[in-house]
């Protein structure tokens, strides 16, 4: 506990543990809101670029974060890696396209950034 010494020589508590505890909770809440907003921007970026090449570096920049911090937080929040998320979203959209649009497999594979149909 920090103390202030008044002009009279009397000590007075600057803050107690309850204040410190409330301050820590406030900081954690603000960081959580900050990260959730940045993750939302990152997911929007991914969703808008699923037919383009996407690098983890570009996604982490969208989230205003370093690559390692972004990957760690994304995995912590979602339970999967950003690479798995991108792959799963591309496969989902490609599968829907194949079911509903009667497109050629090679065309769909190339549209969703697969080098060859075999990897698709």
N, C-alpha and C. Protein backbone atom coordinates (compact mmCIF):
# COMPACT_ATOMS: atom_id res chain seq x y z
N UNK A 1 0.84 -1.17 0.00
CA UNK A 1 0.00 0.00 0.00
C UNK A 1 0.88 1.23 0.00
N UNK A 2 0.59 2.17 -0.87
CA UNK A 2 1.34 3.42 -0.90
C UNK A 2 0.76 4.39 0.11
N UNK A 3 1.61 5.16 0.73
CA UNK A 3 1.16 6.14 1.72
C UNK A 3 1.60 7.54 1.32
N UNK A 4 0.78 8.50 1.66
CA UNK A 4 1.14 9.91 1.51
C UNK A 4 1.43 10.45 2.90
N UNK A 5 2.44 11.26 2.99
CA UNK A 5 2.73 11.91 4.27
C UNK A 5 2.24 13.34 4.16
N UNK A 6 1.25 13.67 5.00
CA UNK A 6 0.68 15.01 4.99
C UNK A 6 1.61 15.98 5.68
N UNK A 7 1.35 17.29 5.53
CA UNK A 7 2.20 18.32 6.15
C UNK A 7 2.24 18.16 7.67
N UNK A 8 1.20 17.59 8.22
CA UNK A 8 1.15 17.40 9.67
C UNK A 8 1.97 16.20 10.11
N UNK A 9 2.52 15.47 9.15
CA UNK A 9 3.30 14.29 9.49
C UNK A 9 2.45 13.03 9.55
N UNK A 10 1.15 13.17 9.37
CA UNK A 10 0.24 12.03 9.43
C UNK A 10 0.30 11.27 8.10
N UNK A 11 0.26 9.95 8.19
CA UNK A 11 0.25 9.11 6.98
C UNK A 11 -1.19 8.83 6.58
N UNK A 12 -1.41 8.87 5.30
CA UNK A 12 -2.73 8.58 4.77
C UNK A 12 -2.56 7.64 3.57
N UNK A 13 -3.42 6.64 3.47
CA UNK A 13 -3.33 5.66 2.38
C UNK A 13 -3.64 6.34 1.05
N UNK A 14 -2.73 6.17 0.08
CA UNK A 14 -2.94 6.72 -1.26
C UNK A 14 -4.00 5.88 -1.99
N UNK A 15 -3.86 4.59 -1.90
CA UNK A 15 -4.91 3.68 -2.37
C UNK A 15 -4.74 2.36 -1.65
N UNK A 16 -5.84 1.67 -1.53
CA UNK A 16 -5.78 0.39 -0.86
C UNK A 16 -5.88 -0.72 -1.90
N UNK A 17 -5.90 -1.95 -1.45
CA UNK A 17 -5.91 -3.10 -2.35
C UNK A 17 -7.21 -3.16 -3.16
N UNK A 18 -8.31 -2.71 -2.60
CA UNK A 18 -9.57 -2.72 -3.35
C UNK A 18 -9.48 -1.80 -4.56
N UNK A 19 -8.88 -0.63 -4.37
CA UNK A 19 -8.69 0.30 -5.48
C UNK A 19 -7.79 -0.33 -6.54
N UNK A 20 -6.70 -0.94 -6.10
CA UNK A 20 -5.77 -1.59 -7.02
C UNK A 20 -6.47 -2.71 -7.78
N UNK A 21 -7.25 -3.52 -7.08
CA UNK A 21 -7.99 -4.61 -7.71
C UNK A 21 -8.97 -4.07 -8.76
N UNK A 22 -9.71 -3.02 -8.44
CA UNK A 22 -10.65 -2.41 -9.38
C UNK A 22 -9.93 -1.82 -10.59
N UNK A 23 -8.76 -1.24 -10.35
CA UNK A 23 -7.96 -0.69 -11.45
C UNK A 23 -7.52 -1.79 -12.40
N UNK A 24 -7.06 -2.91 -11.87
CA UNK A 24 -6.63 -4.04 -12.70
C UNK A 24 -7.81 -4.58 -13.51
N UNK A 25 -8.96 -4.71 -12.89
CA UNK A 25 -10.15 -5.19 -13.61
C UNK A 25 -10.52 -4.23 -14.74
N UNK A 26 -10.48 -2.93 -14.48
CA UNK A 26 -10.78 -1.94 -15.51
C UNK A 26 -9.81 -2.05 -16.69
N UNK A 27 -8.53 -2.21 -16.40
CA UNK A 27 -7.52 -2.34 -17.46
C UNK A 27 -7.77 -3.60 -18.28
N UNK A 28 -8.07 -4.70 -17.63
CA UNK A 28 -8.34 -5.96 -18.33
C UNK A 28 -9.57 -5.82 -19.22
N UNK A 29 -10.61 -5.17 -18.71
CA UNK A 29 -11.82 -4.98 -19.52
C UNK A 29 -11.53 -4.12 -20.75
N UNK A 30 -10.77 -3.07 -20.57
CA UNK A 30 -10.45 -2.19 -21.72
C UNK A 30 -9.60 -2.93 -22.74
N UNK A 31 -8.64 -3.73 -22.27
CA UNK A 31 -7.82 -4.51 -23.19
C UNK A 31 -8.66 -5.54 -23.93
N UNK A 32 -9.62 -6.15 -23.23
CA UNK A 32 -10.49 -7.13 -23.86
C UNK A 32 -11.31 -6.47 -24.96
N UNK A 33 -11.88 -5.32 -24.69
CA UNK A 33 -12.65 -4.60 -25.71
C UNK A 33 -11.75 -4.24 -26.89
N UNK A 34 -10.54 -3.76 -26.58
CA UNK A 34 -9.57 -3.39 -27.62
C UNK A 34 -9.27 -4.59 -28.52
N UNK A 35 -8.97 -5.75 -27.91
CA UNK A 35 -8.63 -6.92 -28.69
C UNK A 35 -9.82 -7.44 -29.48
N UNK A 36 -11.01 -7.41 -28.89
CA UNK A 36 -12.18 -7.90 -29.62
C UNK A 36 -12.49 -7.01 -30.82
N UNK A 37 -12.33 -5.71 -30.68
CA UNK A 37 -12.52 -4.81 -31.82
C UNK A 37 -11.49 -5.10 -32.91
N UNK A 38 -10.25 -5.29 -32.52
CA UNK A 38 -9.20 -5.56 -33.50
C UNK A 38 -9.38 -6.93 -34.16
N UNK A 39 -9.83 -7.92 -33.40
CA UNK A 39 -10.10 -9.23 -33.99
C UNK A 39 -11.27 -9.14 -34.98
N UNK A 40 -12.24 -8.32 -34.68
CA UNK A 40 -13.37 -8.11 -35.59
C UNK A 40 -12.88 -7.52 -36.91
N UNK A 41 -12.00 -6.53 -36.83
CA UNK A 41 -11.43 -5.95 -38.05
C UNK A 41 -10.64 -6.99 -38.84
N UNK A 42 -9.89 -7.83 -38.13
CA UNK A 42 -9.09 -8.85 -38.80
C UNK A 42 -9.98 -9.87 -39.50
N UNK A 43 -11.04 -10.30 -38.84
CA UNK A 43 -11.95 -11.27 -39.45
C UNK A 43 -12.66 -10.66 -40.66
N UNK A 44 -13.04 -9.40 -40.57
CA UNK A 44 -13.63 -8.72 -41.73
C UNK A 44 -12.66 -8.69 -42.90
N UNK A 45 -11.39 -8.41 -42.60
CA UNK A 45 -10.37 -8.38 -43.64
C UNK A 45 -10.28 -9.76 -44.32
N UNK A 46 -10.22 -10.80 -43.51
CA UNK A 46 -10.13 -12.16 -44.06
C UNK A 46 -11.36 -12.46 -44.92
N UNK A 47 -12.55 -12.19 -44.38
CA UNK A 47 -13.79 -12.47 -45.12
C UNK A 47 -13.86 -11.73 -46.45
N UNK A 48 -13.34 -10.52 -46.48
CA UNK A 48 -13.36 -9.72 -47.72
C UNK A 48 -12.28 -10.12 -48.71
N UNK A 49 -11.34 -10.96 -48.29
CA UNK A 49 -10.22 -11.31 -49.15
C UNK A 49 -10.04 -12.82 -49.32
N UNK A 50 -11.08 -13.60 -49.11
CA UNK A 50 -10.94 -15.05 -49.20
C UNK A 50 -10.56 -15.53 -50.60
N UNK A 51 -10.88 -14.76 -51.62
CA UNK A 51 -10.50 -15.16 -52.98
C UNK A 51 -9.16 -14.57 -53.38
N UNK A 52 -8.52 -13.86 -52.48
CA UNK A 52 -7.20 -13.28 -52.73
C UNK A 52 -6.18 -13.98 -51.84
N UNK A 53 -4.92 -13.74 -52.13
CA UNK A 53 -3.87 -14.26 -51.26
C UNK A 53 -3.90 -13.49 -49.94
N UNK A 54 -3.87 -14.21 -48.83
CA UNK A 54 -3.91 -13.60 -47.51
C UNK A 54 -2.69 -14.05 -46.72
N UNK A 55 -1.94 -13.08 -46.19
CA UNK A 55 -0.82 -13.44 -45.33
C UNK A 55 -1.18 -13.11 -43.89
N UNK A 56 -0.62 -13.86 -42.97
CA UNK A 56 -0.84 -13.61 -41.55
C UNK A 56 -0.33 -12.22 -41.19
N UNK A 57 0.73 -11.78 -41.86
CA UNK A 57 1.27 -10.45 -41.61
C UNK A 57 0.23 -9.37 -41.93
N UNK A 58 -0.45 -9.51 -43.06
CA UNK A 58 -1.47 -8.52 -43.44
C UNK A 58 -2.63 -8.53 -42.45
N UNK A 59 -3.04 -9.72 -42.04
CA UNK A 59 -4.15 -9.82 -41.09
C UNK A 59 -3.77 -9.21 -39.74
N UNK A 60 -2.55 -9.49 -39.29
CA UNK A 60 -2.11 -8.94 -37.99
C UNK A 60 -1.97 -7.42 -38.05
N UNK A 61 -1.57 -6.90 -39.21
CA UNK A 61 -1.51 -5.43 -39.36
C UNK A 61 -2.90 -4.83 -39.24
N UNK A 62 -3.89 -5.51 -39.81
CA UNK A 62 -5.27 -5.04 -39.72
C UNK A 62 -5.71 -4.99 -38.26
N UNK A 63 -5.20 -5.92 -37.46
CA UNK A 63 -5.55 -5.97 -36.03
C UNK A 63 -4.63 -5.09 -35.19
N UNK A 64 -3.75 -4.32 -35.83
CA UNK A 64 -2.81 -3.44 -35.12
C UNK A 64 -1.97 -4.22 -34.12
N UNK A 65 -1.41 -5.32 -34.58
CA UNK A 65 -0.68 -6.20 -33.67
C UNK A 65 0.52 -6.81 -34.38
N UNK A 66 1.44 -7.33 -33.58
CA UNK A 66 2.53 -8.11 -34.15
C UNK A 66 1.97 -9.46 -34.57
N UNK A 67 2.69 -10.14 -35.44
CA UNK A 67 2.23 -11.45 -35.93
C UNK A 67 2.09 -12.43 -34.77
N UNK A 68 3.09 -12.51 -33.92
CA UNK A 68 3.06 -13.49 -32.84
C UNK A 68 1.95 -13.20 -31.83
N UNK A 69 1.78 -11.94 -31.46
CA UNK A 69 0.70 -11.60 -30.52
C UNK A 69 -0.67 -11.87 -31.14
N UNK A 70 -0.83 -11.52 -32.41
CA UNK A 70 -2.11 -11.74 -33.06
C UNK A 70 -2.44 -13.22 -33.11
N UNK A 71 -1.47 -14.04 -33.51
CA UNK A 71 -1.73 -15.48 -33.61
C UNK A 71 -2.10 -16.06 -32.24
N UNK A 72 -1.42 -15.61 -31.21
CA UNK A 72 -1.68 -16.10 -29.86
C UNK A 72 -3.08 -15.71 -29.40
N UNK A 73 -3.45 -14.44 -29.57
CA UNK A 73 -4.76 -13.96 -29.13
C UNK A 73 -5.87 -14.59 -29.96
N UNK A 74 -5.69 -14.69 -31.28
CA UNK A 74 -6.70 -15.28 -32.14
C UNK A 74 -6.97 -16.72 -31.70
N UNK A 75 -5.91 -17.47 -31.48
CA UNK A 75 -6.06 -18.86 -31.04
C UNK A 75 -6.71 -18.95 -29.67
N UNK A 76 -6.35 -18.06 -28.78
CA UNK A 76 -6.92 -18.04 -27.44
C UNK A 76 -8.42 -17.76 -27.48
N UNK A 77 -8.83 -16.82 -28.32
CA UNK A 77 -10.25 -16.42 -28.39
C UNK A 77 -11.08 -17.43 -29.18
N UNK A 78 -10.56 -17.92 -30.32
CA UNK A 78 -11.37 -18.76 -31.21
C UNK A 78 -11.14 -20.26 -31.01
N UNK A 79 -10.00 -20.63 -30.50
CA UNK A 79 -9.68 -22.05 -30.33
C UNK A 79 -9.05 -22.68 -31.56
N UNK A 80 -8.86 -21.90 -32.63
CA UNK A 80 -8.18 -22.39 -33.83
C UNK A 80 -7.16 -21.36 -34.28
N UNK A 81 -6.26 -21.77 -35.16
CA UNK A 81 -5.26 -20.83 -35.68
C UNK A 81 -5.88 -20.00 -36.80
N UNK A 82 -5.25 -18.88 -37.11
CA UNK A 82 -5.75 -18.04 -38.20
C UNK A 82 -5.66 -18.79 -39.53
N UNK A 83 -4.62 -19.60 -39.71
CA UNK A 83 -4.48 -20.40 -40.93
C UNK A 83 -5.62 -21.39 -41.08
N UNK A 84 -5.99 -22.06 -39.98
CA UNK A 84 -7.12 -22.99 -40.01
C UNK A 84 -8.43 -22.27 -40.30
N UNK A 85 -8.58 -21.08 -39.72
CA UNK A 85 -9.79 -20.30 -39.97
C UNK A 85 -9.93 -19.96 -41.45
N UNK A 86 -8.84 -19.47 -42.04
CA UNK A 86 -8.86 -19.11 -43.46
C UNK A 86 -9.16 -20.34 -44.32
N UNK A 87 -8.48 -21.43 -44.03
CA UNK A 87 -8.67 -22.67 -44.79
C UNK A 87 -10.12 -23.16 -44.69
N UNK A 88 -10.65 -23.18 -43.48
CA UNK A 88 -12.03 -23.65 -43.28
C UNK A 88 -13.05 -22.77 -43.98
N UNK A 89 -12.85 -21.45 -43.93
CA UNK A 89 -13.79 -20.54 -44.60
C UNK A 89 -13.72 -20.72 -46.12
N UNK A 90 -12.52 -20.89 -46.65
CA UNK A 90 -12.40 -21.08 -48.09
C UNK A 90 -13.07 -22.39 -48.53
N UNK A 91 -12.84 -23.45 -47.76
CA UNK A 91 -13.46 -24.73 -48.10
C UNK A 91 -14.98 -24.66 -48.01
N UNK A 92 -15.49 -23.97 -47.02
CA UNK A 92 -16.94 -23.81 -46.87
C UNK A 92 -17.54 -23.08 -48.07
N UNK A 93 -16.93 -21.95 -48.43
CA UNK A 93 -17.45 -21.18 -49.57
C UNK A 93 -17.30 -21.95 -50.88
N UNK A 94 -16.18 -22.64 -51.02
CA UNK A 94 -15.96 -23.42 -52.25
C UNK A 94 -16.99 -24.55 -52.34
N UNK A 95 -17.26 -25.22 -51.23
CA UNK A 95 -18.25 -26.29 -51.22
C UNK A 95 -19.63 -25.78 -51.57
N UNK A 96 -20.00 -24.63 -51.03
CA UNK A 96 -21.30 -24.03 -51.36
C UNK A 96 -21.37 -23.67 -52.83
N UNK A 97 -20.28 -23.16 -53.34
CA UNK A 97 -20.25 -22.78 -54.76
C UNK A 97 -20.39 -24.01 -55.66
N UNK A 98 -19.71 -25.08 -55.30
CA UNK A 98 -19.81 -26.30 -56.10
C UNK A 98 -21.22 -26.89 -56.05
N UNK A 99 -21.88 -26.77 -54.92
CA UNK A 99 -23.24 -27.31 -54.80
C UNK A 99 -24.27 -26.50 -55.57
N UNK A 100 -24.13 -25.19 -55.53
CA UNK A 100 -25.20 -24.34 -56.03
C UNK A 100 -24.94 -23.70 -57.39
N UNK A 101 -23.70 -23.64 -57.84
CA UNK A 101 -23.43 -22.92 -59.09
C UNK A 101 -22.96 -23.80 -60.23
N UNK A 102 -22.75 -25.07 -59.98
CA UNK A 102 -22.29 -25.99 -61.01
C UNK A 102 -21.01 -25.51 -61.69
N UNK A 103 -20.10 -24.99 -60.90
CA UNK A 103 -18.80 -24.54 -61.41
C UNK A 103 -17.86 -25.72 -61.55
N UNK A 104 -16.83 -25.56 -62.37
CA UNK A 104 -15.81 -26.59 -62.49
C UNK A 104 -14.94 -26.59 -61.25
N UNK A 105 -14.51 -27.77 -60.85
CA UNK A 105 -13.69 -27.90 -59.65
C UNK A 105 -12.39 -27.11 -59.78
N UNK A 106 -11.76 -27.17 -60.94
CA UNK A 106 -10.50 -26.44 -61.15
C UNK A 106 -10.71 -24.94 -60.98
N UNK A 107 -11.83 -24.41 -61.49
CA UNK A 107 -12.10 -22.98 -61.37
C UNK A 107 -12.32 -22.56 -59.92
N UNK A 108 -13.07 -23.36 -59.19
CA UNK A 108 -13.33 -23.06 -57.78
C UNK A 108 -12.04 -23.17 -56.97
N UNK A 109 -11.24 -24.20 -57.24
CA UNK A 109 -9.97 -24.37 -56.53
C UNK A 109 -9.06 -23.17 -56.74
N UNK A 110 -8.95 -22.70 -57.96
CA UNK A 110 -8.10 -21.54 -58.26
C UNK A 110 -8.66 -20.25 -57.63
N UNK A 111 -9.97 -20.10 -57.66
CA UNK A 111 -10.60 -18.90 -57.09
C UNK A 111 -10.29 -18.76 -55.60
N UNK A 112 -10.24 -19.89 -54.89
CA UNK A 112 -10.00 -19.86 -53.45
C UNK A 112 -8.54 -20.16 -53.07
N UNK A 113 -7.65 -19.84 -54.01
CA UNK A 113 -6.21 -19.83 -53.77
C UNK A 113 -5.57 -21.20 -53.55
N UNK A 114 -6.15 -22.24 -54.15
CA UNK A 114 -5.51 -23.54 -54.15
C UNK A 114 -4.70 -23.67 -55.43
N UNK A 115 -3.46 -24.11 -55.30
CA UNK A 115 -2.56 -24.18 -56.47
C UNK A 115 -3.01 -25.20 -57.50
N UNK A 116 -3.58 -26.29 -57.03
CA UNK A 116 -4.02 -27.35 -57.93
C UNK A 116 -5.23 -28.06 -57.33
N UNK A 117 -6.03 -28.68 -58.16
CA UNK A 117 -7.24 -29.32 -57.66
C UNK A 117 -6.97 -30.41 -56.62
N UNK A 118 -5.81 -31.06 -56.72
CA UNK A 118 -5.48 -32.14 -55.79
C UNK A 118 -5.35 -31.62 -54.35
N UNK A 119 -4.82 -30.41 -54.18
CA UNK A 119 -4.68 -29.83 -52.85
C UNK A 119 -6.02 -29.35 -52.33
N UNK A 120 -6.95 -29.16 -53.24
CA UNK A 120 -8.30 -28.71 -52.90
C UNK A 120 -9.07 -29.89 -52.37
